[in-house]
Structures are given as structure tokens and as C-alpha cells.
Amino acid sequence: MRRAKYLLAAIALAAGCASAPQVVVAPDGQSALIVRCPRGNRYRCESRAFHTCGRDYLVLDNGNRIGTFVTPNGYVVSNTTVFQGFIVFRCPTAH
């Protein structure tokens, strides 16, 4: 019960542009949390996960995909890792 209060407080007080965590079903069929944040700024997503779970959160999908992007000056960069603007993670369970 105490952990639930801290979890709710962390969600309410966490700053930044990352969205509030939403519950989703992970590929293993268990529940997990997803946080969306601005592309190119995965650290805001990781910060939200840290504020939600503490340091022991488990990243299930880091939002990175192999893709192509165009730089502001027009160069095309292909076959590189591109952050898609989200991470999926799971908080540790109490034993």
C-alpha cells in the first residue's frame, strides 16, 4: 500500500515533457508501462521510468528501431538507430 502511494506521487510530481505512464500488455502477456516522449529525447522517457519505479525498472522495449532519417541540412542517414519516442518498462515487484 505504501509503495502504491509513492508510485502515484511519483507519477503526479514527475516533471518533463514525457507522458504519464500508461498500462499496456507486454509481448510476454504481463502488464507493463509505456511512456511517450519527444523523439530524439529518450532521456525524458528514462527519467519518467526512474521516477515511477526507482532505479531497478526493467526496460522491455527501448523504442529504438533501425531506420533512415534526414538531417536538417539535407543529408540522408540510412541504416542507423532511430528513437521512436517511447519506452516500455516494468517496475520490480516486491518479494
PDB file of N, CA and C in Angstrom:
ATOM      1  N   MET A   1       0.822  -1.190   0.000  1.00  0.00           N
ATOM      2  CA  MET A   1       0.000   0.000   0.000  1.00  0.00           C
ATOM      3  C   MET A   1       0.869   1.257   0.000  1.00  0.00           C
ATOM      4  N   ARG A   2       1.921   1.259   0.809  1.00  0.00           N
ATOM      5  CA  ARG A   2       2.805   2.413   0.873  1.00  0.00           C
ATOM      6  C   ARG A   2       3.506   2.636  -0.463  1.00  0.00           C
ATOM      7  N   ARG A   3       3.910   1.540  -1.099  1.00  0.00           N
ATOM      8  CA  ARG A   3       4.573   1.653  -2.397  1.00  0.00           C
ATOM      9  C   ARG A   3       3.623   2.242  -3.436  1.00  0.00           C
ATOM     10  N   ALA A   4       2.351   1.887  -3.357  1.00  0.00           N
ATOM     11  CA  ALA A   4       1.364   2.420  -4.298  1.00  0.00           C
ATOM     12  C   ALA A   4       1.233   3.931  -4.123  1.00  0.00           C
ATOM     13  N   LYS A   5       1.267   4.414  -2.883  1.00  0.00           N
ATOM     14  CA  LYS A   5       1.188   5.848  -2.648  1.00  0.00           C
ATOM     15  C   LYS A   5       2.397   6.563  -3.238  1.00  0.00           C
ATOM     16  N   TYR A   6       3.590   5.983  -3.034  1.00  0.00           N
ATOM     17  CA  TYR A   6       4.792   6.584  -3.605  1.00  0.00           C
ATOM     18  C   TYR A   6       4.750   6.560  -5.132  1.00  0.00           C
ATOM     19  N   LEU A   7       4.234   5.479  -5.689  1.00  0.00           N
ATOM     20  CA  LEU A   7       4.129   5.372  -7.143  1.00  0.00           C
ATOM     21  C   LEU A   7       3.208   6.449  -7.687  1.00  0.00           C
ATOM     22  N   LEU A   8       2.057   6.639  -7.084  1.00  0.00           N
ATOM     23  CA  LEU A   8       1.130   7.667  -7.531  1.00  0.00           C
ATOM     24  C   LEU A   8       1.710   9.064  -7.345  1.00  0.00           C
ATOM     25  N   ALA A   9       2.406   9.291  -6.253  1.00  0.00           N
ATOM     26  CA  ALA A   9       3.035  10.589  -6.035  1.00  0.00           C
ATOM     27  C   ALA A   9       4.119  10.852  -7.067  1.00  0.00           C
ATOM     28  N   ALA A  10       4.898   9.840  -7.400  1.00  0.00           N
ATOM     29  CA  ALA A  10       5.961   9.995  -8.394  1.00  0.00           C
ATOM     30  C   ALA A  10       5.379  10.323  -9.756  1.00  0.00           C
ATOM     31  N   ILE A  11       4.282   9.665 -10.107  1.00  0.00           N
ATOM     32  CA  ILE A  11       3.650   9.944 -11.392  1.00  0.00           C
ATOM     33  C   ILE A  11       3.122  11.370 -11.417  1.00  0.00           C
ATOM     34  N   ALA A  12       2.510  11.800 -10.328  1.00  0.00           N
ATOM     35  CA  ALA A  12       1.922  13.130 -10.279  1.00  0.00           C
ATOM     36  C   ALA A  12       2.974  14.235 -10.272  1.00  0.00           C
ATOM     37  N   LEU A  13       4.128  13.985  -9.657  1.00  0.00           N
ATOM     38  CA  LEU A  13       5.126  15.025  -9.492  1.00  0.00           C
ATOM     39  C   LEU A  13       6.250  15.009 -10.521  1.00  0.00           C
ATOM     40  N   ALA A  14       6.344  13.951 -11.294  1.00  0.00           N
ATOM     41  CA  ALA A  14       7.458  13.858 -12.250  1.00  0.00           C
ATOM     42  C   ALA A  14       7.353  14.968 -13.286  1.00  0.00           C
ATOM     43  N   ALA A  15       8.450  15.674 -13.464  1.00  0.00           N
ATOM     44  CA  ALA A  15       8.454  16.790 -14.397  1.00  0.00           C
ATOM     45  C   ALA A  15       8.971  16.346 -15.751  1.00  0.00           C
ATOM     46  N   GLY A  16       8.789  17.213 -16.737  1.00  0.00           N
ATOM     47  CA  GLY A  16       9.289  16.932 -18.071  1.00  0.00           C
ATOM     48  C   GLY A  16       8.162  16.793 -19.061  1.00  0.00           C
ATOM     49  N   CYS A  17       8.549  16.587 -20.286  1.00  0.00           N
ATOM     50  CA  CYS A  17       7.578  16.510 -21.359  1.00  0.00           C
ATOM     51  C   CYS A  17       7.123  15.084 -21.636  1.00  0.00           C
ATOM     52  N   ALA A  18       7.621  14.130 -20.913  1.00  0.00           N
ATOM     53  CA  ALA A  18       7.200  12.743 -21.117  1.00  0.00           C
ATOM     54  C   ALA A  18       5.770  12.579 -20.611  1.00  0.00           C
ATOM     55  N   SER A  19       5.022  11.733 -21.297  1.00  0.00           N
ATOM     56  CA  SER A  19       3.636  11.492 -20.891  1.00  0.00           C
ATOM     57  C   SER A  19       3.585  10.698 -19.595  1.00  0.00           C
ATOM     58  N   ALA A  20       2.424  10.703 -18.970  1.00  0.00           N
ATOM     59  CA  ALA A  20       2.225   9.866 -17.792  1.00  0.00           C
ATOM     60  C   ALA A  20       2.246   8.412 -18.241  1.00  0.00           C
ATOM     61  N   PRO A  21       2.815   7.518 -17.446  1.00  0.00           N
ATOM     62  CA  PRO A  21       2.851   6.103 -17.827  1.00  0.00           C
ATOM     63  C   PRO A  21       1.447   5.536 -18.000  1.00  0.00           C
ATOM     64  N   GLN A  22       1.282   4.727 -19.037  1.00  0.00           N
ATOM     65  CA  GLN A  22       0.021   4.040 -19.287  1.00  0.00           C
ATOM     66  C   GLN A  22       0.278   2.545 -19.243  1.00  0.00           C
ATOM     67  N   VAL A  23      -0.683   1.798 -18.724  1.00  0.00           N
ATOM     68  CA  VAL A  23      -0.550   0.342 -18.636  1.00  0.00           C
ATOM     69  C   VAL A  23      -0.826  -0.269 -20.002  1.00  0.00           C
ATOM     70  N   VAL A  24       0.049  -1.171 -20.423  1.00  0.00           N
ATOM     71  CA  VAL A  24      -0.094  -1.915 -21.678  1.00  0.00           C
ATOM     72  C   VAL A  24       0.207  -3.385 -21.396  1.00  0.00           C
ATOM     73  N   VAL A  25      -0.092  -4.225 -22.366  1.00  0.00           N
ATOM     74  CA  VAL A  25       0.251  -5.642 -22.266  1.00  0.00           C
ATOM     75  C   VAL A  25       1.547  -5.860 -23.049  1.00  0.00           C
ATOM     76  N   ALA A  26       2.559  -6.370 -22.369  1.00  0.00           N
ATOM     77  CA  ALA A  26       3.857  -6.634 -22.991  1.00  0.00           C
ATOM     78  C   ALA A  26       3.781  -7.907 -23.826  1.00  0.00           C
ATOM     79  N   PRO A  27       4.758  -8.146 -24.692  1.00  0.00           N
ATOM     80  CA  PRO A  27       4.760  -9.352 -25.519  1.00  0.00           C
ATOM     81  C   PRO A  27       4.687 -10.664 -24.724  1.00  0.00           C
ATOM     82  N   ASP A  28       5.148 -10.635 -23.466  1.00  0.00           N
ATOM     83  CA  ASP A  28       5.083 -11.854 -22.652  1.00  0.00           C
ATOM     84  C   ASP A  28       3.717 -12.049 -21.990  1.00  0.00           C
ATOM     85  N   GLY A  29       2.766 -11.157 -22.284  1.00  0.00           N
ATOM     86  CA  GLY A  29       1.418 -11.285 -21.746  1.00  0.00           C
ATOM     87  C   GLY A  29       1.222 -10.631 -20.388  1.00  0.00           C
ATOM     88  N   GLN A  30       2.276 -10.147 -19.779  1.00  0.00           N
ATOM     89  CA  GLN A  30       2.207  -9.479 -18.481  1.00  0.00           C
ATOM     90  C   GLN A  30       1.963  -7.978 -18.692  1.00  0.00           C
ATOM     91  N   SER A  31       1.493  -7.308 -17.656  1.00  0.00           N
ATOM     92  CA  SER A  31       1.293  -5.872 -17.775  1.00  0.00           C
ATOM     93  C   SER A  31       2.633  -5.150 -17.683  1.00  0.00           C
ATOM     94  N   ALA A  32       2.698  -4.014 -18.341  1.00  0.00           N
ATOM     95  CA  ALA A  32       3.892  -3.175 -18.350  1.00  0.00           C
ATOM     96  C   ALA A  32       3.418  -1.733 -18.477  1.00  0.00           C
ATOM     97  N   LEU A  33       4.341  -0.803 -18.461  1.00  0.00           N
ATOM     98  CA  LEU A  33       4.025   0.613 -18.598  1.00  0.00           C
ATOM     99  C   LEU A  33       4.701   1.158 -19.841  1.00  0.00           C
ATOM    100  N   ILE A  34       4.028   2.095 -20.509  1.00  0.00           N
ATOM    101  CA  ILE A  34       4.619   2.779 -21.655  1.00  0.00           C
ATOM    102  C   ILE A  34       4.641   4.268 -21.354  1.00  0.00           C
ATOM    103  N   VAL A  35       5.724   4.922 -21.743  1.00  0.00           N
ATOM    104  CA  VAL A  35       5.866   6.369 -21.620  1.00  0.00           C
ATOM    105  C   VAL A  35       6.241   6.893 -22.999  1.00  0.00           C
ATOM    106  N   ARG A  36       5.541   7.922 -23.425  1.00  0.00           N
ATOM    107  CA  ARG A  36       5.856   8.571 -24.699  1.00  0.00           C
ATOM    108  C   ARG A  36       6.543   9.899 -24.408  1.00  0.00           C
ATOM    109  N   CYS A  37       7.527  10.233 -25.224  1.00  0.00           N
ATOM    110  CA  CYS A  37       8.267  11.476 -25.037  1.00  0.00           C
ATOM    111  C   CYS A  37       8.716  11.979 -26.399  1.00  0.00           C
ATOM    112  N   PRO A  38       9.217  13.213 -26.451  1.00  0.00           N
ATOM    113  CA  PRO A  38       9.627  13.762 -27.745  1.00  0.00           C
ATOM    114  C   PRO A  38      10.695  12.899 -28.405  1.00  0.00           C
ATOM    115  N   ARG A  39      10.560  12.704 -29.710  1.00  0.00           N
ATOM    116  CA  ARG A  39      11.592  11.960 -30.437  1.00  0.00           C
ATOM    117  C   ARG A  39      12.929  12.660 -30.263  1.00  0.00           C
ATOM    118  N   GLY A  40      13.953  11.887 -30.187  1.00  0.00           N
ATOM    119  CA  GLY A  40      15.278  12.448 -30.003  1.00  0.00           C
ATOM    120  C   GLY A  40      15.610  12.742 -28.554  1.00  0.00           C
ATOM    121  N   ASN A  41      14.675  12.473 -27.634  1.00  0.00           N
ATOM    122  CA  ASN A  41      14.945  12.754 -26.232  1.00  0.00           C
ATOM    123  C   ASN A  41      14.495  11.577 -25.373  1.00  0.00           C
ATOM    124  N   ARG A  42      15.141  10.450 -25.556  1.00  0.00           N
ATOM    125  CA  ARG A  42      14.756   9.258 -24.794  1.00  0.00           C
ATOM    126  C   ARG A  42      15.057   9.407 -23.306  1.00  0.00           C
ATOM    127  N   TYR A  43      15.925  10.362 -22.953  1.00  0.00           N
ATOM    128  CA  TYR A  43      16.283  10.551 -21.552  1.00  0.00           C
ATOM    129  C   TYR A  43      15.090  11.030 -20.728  1.00  0.00           C
ATOM    130  N   ARG A  44      14.174  11.754 -21.329  1.00  0.00           N
ATOM    131  CA  ARG A  44      12.950  12.144 -20.611  1.00  0.00           C
ATOM    132  C   ARG A  44      12.108  10.913 -20.310  1.00  0.00           C
ATOM    133  N   CYS A  45      12.045   9.975 -21.254  1.00  0.00           N
ATOM    134  CA  CYS A  45      11.325   8.725 -21.010  1.00  0.00           C
ATOM    135  C   CYS A  45      11.986   7.945 -19.881  1.00  0.00           C
ATOM    136  N   GLU A  46      13.308   7.831 -19.931  1.00  0.00           N
ATOM    137  CA  GLU A  46      14.027   7.101 -18.897  1.00  0.00           C
ATOM    138  C   GLU A  46      13.880   7.782 -17.543  1.00  0.00           C
ATOM    139  N   SER A  47      13.857   9.106 -17.525  1.00  0.00           N
ATOM    140  CA  SER A  47      13.663   9.836 -16.279  1.00  0.00           C
ATOM    141  C   SER A  47      12.282   9.552 -15.702  1.00  0.00           C
ATOM    142  N   ARG A  48      11.268   9.500 -16.561  1.00  0.00           N
ATOM    143  CA  ARG A  48       9.914   9.206 -16.078  1.00  0.00           C
ATOM    144  C   ARG A  48       9.845   7.788 -15.525  1.00  0.00           C
ATOM    145  N   ALA A  49      10.498   6.834 -16.192  1.00  0.00           N
ATOM    146  CA  ALA A  49      10.526   5.454 -15.694  1.00  0.00           C
ATOM    147  C   ALA A  49      11.232   5.394 -14.341  1.00  0.00           C
ATOM    148  N   PHE A  50      12.340   6.108 -14.204  1.00  0.00           N
ATOM    149  CA  PHE A  50      13.074   6.144 -12.940  1.00  0.00           C
ATOM    150  C   PHE A  50      12.214   6.742 -11.824  1.00  0.00           C
ATOM    151  N   HIS A  51      11.524   7.843 -12.114  1.00  0.00           N
ATOM    152  CA  HIS A  51      10.677   8.473 -11.099  1.00  0.00           C
ATOM    153  C   HIS A  51       9.474   7.606 -10.744  1.00  0.00           C
ATOM    154  N   THR A  52       9.047   6.767 -11.667  1.00  0.00           N
ATOM    155  CA  THR A  52       7.900   5.894 -11.420  1.00  0.00           C
ATOM    156  C   THR A  52       8.287   4.674 -10.601  1.00  0.00           C
ATOM    157  N   CYS A  53       9.421   4.051 -10.953  1.00  0.00           N
ATOM    158  CA  CYS A  53       9.788   2.756 -10.357  1.00  0.00           C
ATOM    159  C   CYS A  53      11.008   2.784  -9.454  1.00  0.00           C
ATOM    160  N   GLY A  54      11.836   3.767  -9.564  1.00  0.00           N
ATOM    161  CA  GLY A  54      13.134   3.712  -8.900  1.00  0.00           C
ATOM    162  C   GLY A  54      14.157   3.154  -9.879  1.00  0.00           C
ATOM    163  N   ARG A  55      15.350   2.905  -9.399  1.00  0.00           N
ATOM    164  CA  ARG A  55      16.438   2.541 -10.312  1.00  0.00           C
ATOM    165  C   ARG A  55      16.341   1.134 -10.896  1.00  0.00           C
ATOM    166  N   ASP A  56      15.519   0.273 -10.332  1.00  0.00           N
ATOM    167  CA  ASP A  56      15.509  -1.121 -10.770  1.00  0.00           C
ATOM    168  C   ASP A  56      14.460  -1.447 -11.820  1.00  0.00           C
ATOM    169  N   TYR A  57      13.977  -0.449 -12.571  1.00  0.00           N
ATOM    170  CA  TYR A  57      12.974  -0.748 -13.591  1.00  0.00           C
ATOM    171  C   TYR A  57      13.602  -1.568 -14.723  1.00  0.00           C
ATOM    172  N   LEU A  58      12.782  -2.386 -15.364  1.00  0.00           N
ATOM    173  CA  LEU A  58      13.238  -3.256 -16.446  1.00  0.00           C
ATOM    174  C   LEU A  58      12.705  -2.715 -17.765  1.00  0.00           C
ATOM    175  N   VAL A  59      13.584  -2.370 -18.683  1.00  0.00           N
ATOM    176  CA  VAL A  59      13.172  -1.869 -19.990  1.00  0.00           C
ATOM    177  C   VAL A  59      12.848  -3.059 -20.879  1.00  0.00           C
ATOM    178  N   LEU A  60      11.613  -3.111 -21.371  1.00  0.00           N
ATOM    179  CA  LEU A  60      11.181  -4.193 -22.254  1.00  0.00           C
ATOM    180  C   LEU A  60      11.325  -3.809 -23.719  1.00  0.00           C
ATOM    181  N   ASP A  61      11.162  -2.533 -24.030  1.00  0.00           N
ATOM    182  CA  ASP A  61      11.332  -2.024 -25.395  1.00  0.00           C
ATOM    183  C   ASP A  61      11.881  -0.613 -25.280  1.00  0.00           C
ATOM    184  N   ASN A  62      13.094  -0.398 -25.773  1.00  0.00           N
ATOM    185  CA  ASN A  62      13.729   0.906 -25.632  1.00  0.00           C
ATOM    186  C   ASN A  62      13.338   1.900 -26.720  1.00  0.00           C
ATOM    187  N   GLY A  63      12.439   1.512 -27.617  1.00  0.00           N
ATOM    188  CA  GLY A  63      11.947   2.429 -28.634  1.00  0.00           C
ATOM    189  C   GLY A  63      12.885   2.662 -29.795  1.00  0.00           C
ATOM    190  N   ASN A  64      14.008   1.980 -29.826  1.00  0.00           N
ATOM    191  CA  ASN A  64      14.957   2.151 -30.926  1.00  0.00           C
ATOM    192  C   ASN A  64      14.632   1.198 -32.065  1.00  0.00           C
ATOM    193  N   ARG A  65      14.677   1.703 -33.281  1.00  0.00           N
ATOM    194  CA  ARG A  65      14.469   0.903 -34.478  1.00  0.00           C
ATOM    195  C   ARG A  65      15.532   1.288 -35.505  1.00  0.00           C
ATOM    196  N   ILE A  66      15.900   0.350 -36.337  1.00  0.00           N
ATOM    197  CA  ILE A  66      16.806   0.660 -37.439  1.00  0.00           C
ATOM    198  C   ILE A  66      15.979   1.370 -38.504  1.00  0.00           C
ATOM    199  N   GLY A  67      16.475   2.512 -38.938  1.00  0.00           N
ATOM    200  CA  GLY A  67      15.715   3.276 -39.919  1.00  0.00           C
ATOM    201  C   GLY A  67      16.579   4.297 -40.619  1.00  0.00           C
ATOM    202  N   THR A  68      15.911   5.176 -41.337  1.00  0.00           N
ATOM    203  CA  THR A  68      16.559   6.224 -42.104  1.00  0.00           C
ATOM    204  C   THR A  68      15.998   7.564 -41.656  1.00  0.00           C
ATOM    205  N   PHE A  69      16.851   8.563 -41.570  1.00  0.00           N
ATOM    206  CA  PHE A  69      16.360   9.907 -41.286  1.00  0.00           C
ATOM    207  C   PHE A  69      17.151  10.918 -42.091  1.00  0.00           C
ATOM    208  N   VAL A  70      16.579  12.103 -42.219  1.00  0.00           N
ATOM    209  CA  VAL A  70      17.208  13.188 -42.968  1.00  0.00           C
ATOM    210  C   VAL A  70      17.610  14.255 -41.964  1.00  0.00           C
ATOM    211  N   THR A  71      18.860  14.673 -42.004  1.00  0.00           N
ATOM    212  CA  THR A  71      19.348  15.711 -41.097  1.00  0.00           C
ATOM    213  C   THR A  71      18.803  17.066 -41.549  1.00  0.00           C
ATOM    214  N   PRO A  72      18.835  18.074 -40.678  1.00  0.00           N
ATOM    215  CA  PRO A  72      18.334  19.397 -41.063  1.00  0.00           C
ATOM    216  C   PRO A  72      19.016  20.001 -42.285  1.00  0.00           C
ATOM    217  N   ASN A  73      20.257  19.619 -42.539  1.00  0.00           N
ATOM    218  CA  ASN A  73      20.941  20.166 -43.714  1.00  0.00           C
ATOM    219  C   ASN A  73      20.755  19.296 -44.955  1.00  0.00           C
ATOM    220  N   GLY A  74      19.878  18.286 -44.886  1.00  0.00           N
ATOM    221  CA  GLY A  74      19.505  17.531 -46.075  1.00  0.00           C
ATOM    222  C   GLY A  74      20.226  16.216 -46.293  1.00  0.00           C
ATOM    223  N   TYR A  75      21.167  15.864 -45.447  1.00  0.00           N
ATOM    224  CA  TYR A  75      21.856  14.585 -45.613  1.00  0.00           C
ATOM    225  C   TYR A  75      20.941  13.434 -45.191  1.00  0.00           C
ATOM    226  N   VAL A  76      20.961  12.365 -45.962  1.00  0.00           N
ATOM    227  CA  VAL A  76      20.173  11.176 -45.644  1.00  0.00           C
ATOM    228  C   VAL A  76      21.081  10.189 -44.923  1.00  0.00           C
ATOM    229  N   VAL A  77      20.649   9.747 -43.759  1.00  0.00           N
ATOM    230  CA  VAL A  77      21.404   8.778 -42.978  1.00  0.00           C
ATOM    231  C   VAL A  77      20.567   7.508 -42.915  1.00  0.00           C
ATOM    232  N   SER A  78      21.058   6.440 -43.513  1.00  0.00           N
ATOM    233  CA  SER A  78      20.283   5.202 -43.553  1.00  0.00           C
ATOM    234  C   SER A  78      20.921   4.143 -42.656  1.00  0.00           C
ATOM    235  N   ASN A  79      20.120   3.131 -42.343  1.00  0.00           N
ATOM    236  CA  ASN A  79      20.563   2.005 -41.513  1.00  0.00           C
ATOM    237  C   ASN A  79      21.208   2.458 -40.210  1.00  0.00           C
ATOM    238  N   THR A  80      20.534   3.313 -39.513  1.00  0.00           N
ATOM    239  CA  THR A  80      21.019   3.788 -38.227  1.00  0.00           C
ATOM    240  C   THR A  80      19.910   3.628 -37.191  1.00  0.00           C
ATOM    241  N   THR A  81      20.268   3.688 -35.929  1.00  0.00           N
ATOM    242  CA  THR A  81      19.282   3.551 -34.871  1.00  0.00           C
ATOM    243  C   THR A  81      18.518   4.860 -34.725  1.00  0.00           C
ATOM    244  N   VAL A  82      17.192   4.761 -34.767  1.00  0.00           N
ATOM    245  CA  VAL A  82      16.324   5.928 -34.648  1.00  0.00           C
ATOM    246  C   VAL A  82      15.385   5.709 -33.466  1.00  0.00           C
ATOM    247  N   PHE A  83      15.362   6.648 -32.531  1.00  0.00           N
ATOM    248  CA  PHE A  83      14.467   6.563 -31.381  1.00  0.00           C
ATOM    249  C   PHE A  83      13.056   6.930 -31.821  1.00  0.00           C
ATOM    250  N   GLN A  84      12.072   6.092 -31.470  1.00  0.00           N
ATOM    251  CA  GLN A  84      10.699   6.257 -31.933  1.00  0.00           C
ATOM    252  C   GLN A  84       9.803   7.047 -30.976  1.00  0.00           C
ATOM    253  N   GLY A  85      10.326   7.517 -29.863  1.00  0.00           N
ATOM    254  CA  GLY A  85       9.550   8.378 -28.978  1.00  0.00           C
ATOM    255  C   GLY A  85       8.794   7.677 -27.862  1.00  0.00           C
ATOM    256  N   PHE A  86       9.214   6.475 -27.481  1.00  0.00           N
ATOM    257  CA  PHE A  86       8.562   5.778 -26.374  1.00  0.00           C
ATOM    258  C   PHE A  86       9.511   4.751 -25.776  1.00  0.00           C
ATOM    259  N   ILE A  87       9.238   4.346 -24.530  1.00  0.00           N
ATOM    260  CA  ILE A  87       9.854   3.157 -23.958  1.00  0.00           C
ATOM    261  C   ILE A  87       8.763   2.383 -23.225  1.00  0.00           C
ATOM    262  N   VAL A  88       8.924   1.077 -23.184  1.00  0.00           N
ATOM    263  CA  VAL A  88       8.037   0.192 -22.436  1.00  0.00           C
ATOM    264  C   VAL A  88       8.879  -0.412 -21.323  1.00  0.00           C
ATOM    265  N   PHE A  89       8.369  -0.349 -20.093  1.00  0.00           N
ATOM    266  CA  PHE A  89       9.148  -0.825 -18.958  1.00  0.00           C
ATOM    267  C   PHE A  89       8.239  -1.470 -17.929  1.00  0.00           C
ATOM    268  N   ARG A  90       8.872  -2.141 -16.979  1.00  0.00           N
ATOM    269  CA  ARG A  90       8.147  -2.803 -15.890  1.00  0.00           C
ATOM    270  C   ARG A  90       8.849  -2.471 -14.580  1.00  0.00           C
ATOM    271  N   CYS A  91       8.062  -2.151 -13.575  1.00  0.00           N
ATOM    272  CA  CYS A  91       8.611  -1.891 -12.240  1.00  0.00           C
ATOM    273  C   CYS A  91       8.880  -3.229 -11.553  1.00  0.00           C
ATOM    274  N   PRO A  92       9.881  -3.275 -10.683  1.00  0.00           N
ATOM    275  CA  PRO A  92      10.146  -4.511  -9.947  1.00  0.00           C
ATOM    276  C   PRO A  92       8.998  -4.798  -8.990  1.00  0.00           C
ATOM    277  N   THR A  93       8.736  -6.063  -8.783  1.00  0.00           N
ATOM    278  CA  THR A  93       7.684  -6.442  -7.844  1.00  0.00           C
ATOM    279  C   THR A  93       8.310  -6.664  -6.478  1.00  0.00           C
ATOM    280  N   ALA A  94       7.572  -6.363  -5.451  1.00  0.00           N
ATOM    281  CA  ALA A  94       8.048  -6.584  -4.073  1.00  0.00           C
ATOM    282  C   ALA A  94       7.986  -8.074  -3.765  1.00  0.00           C
ATOM    283  N   HIS A  95       9.001  -8.595  -3.132  1.00  0.00           N
ATOM    284  CA  HIS A  95       9.043 -10.028  -2.775  1.00  0.00           C
ATOM    285  C   HIS A  95       8.541 -10.247  -1.387  1.00  0.00           C
TER     286      HIS A  95
END
